[in-house]
Amino acid sequence: MADGEEKQMQLVTFQLGAELYGIDIMSVDGIVRVEDVRTIPNAPAYVEGIFNLRGDIIPIINLHKRFHLKRAALSEEDKLLSGFIIIDINGMKLGMVIDKVSRVLTVDMHKMQPPPQMISGIGAEYIQGVFNREDGYLIVLDIQRLFDPKELQQLGDIAT
């Protein structure tokens, strides 16, 4: 990359609790409405269960439970925008419960700031960076670090 060349990234943004989060669009496999999720006995507390998406069994992760976040208070209209974001971590598909999908944004990576030590309950180790916005922050999650290898193995076992 030449000096002065802006590195841009497209983020799928969504609301989780009171904050706006984003993840790299290249890690997103799709966004689906809330479907029937089958609970799994003895699964970690943050695992809502599994659901079948076009023949794939996908574990559903509740980041509210994982990071002790309150759900957003949504209008009936906004509830239509809730569901799951299907992400791909090293070839493994996971669904993340979101309060409300927002939109795809293109951001200039050089404007991203390092994360504060703690922001809205999610530790800095899970955050790639933060963008200041007029109406607050856009927090960019590092999905590769949301789950450690042991947790991914456990989630993979659930999906089989």
Foldseek 3Di string as FASTA:
>chain_A
DDPPDWDKFKWFWAAFAPAIETETPVFWPAWDAADDFDQDPPAPPQWRHWDADPNFTAIEGEVCVVQVGDGYDDDPVQQRQWGWTWGAAPNHTYTYGTRGTDGMDMDGVVQWAQDDQDDRRDGSQQFPTWHQDPVGIYTYGDVNRPDDPVSVVSRVVRRD
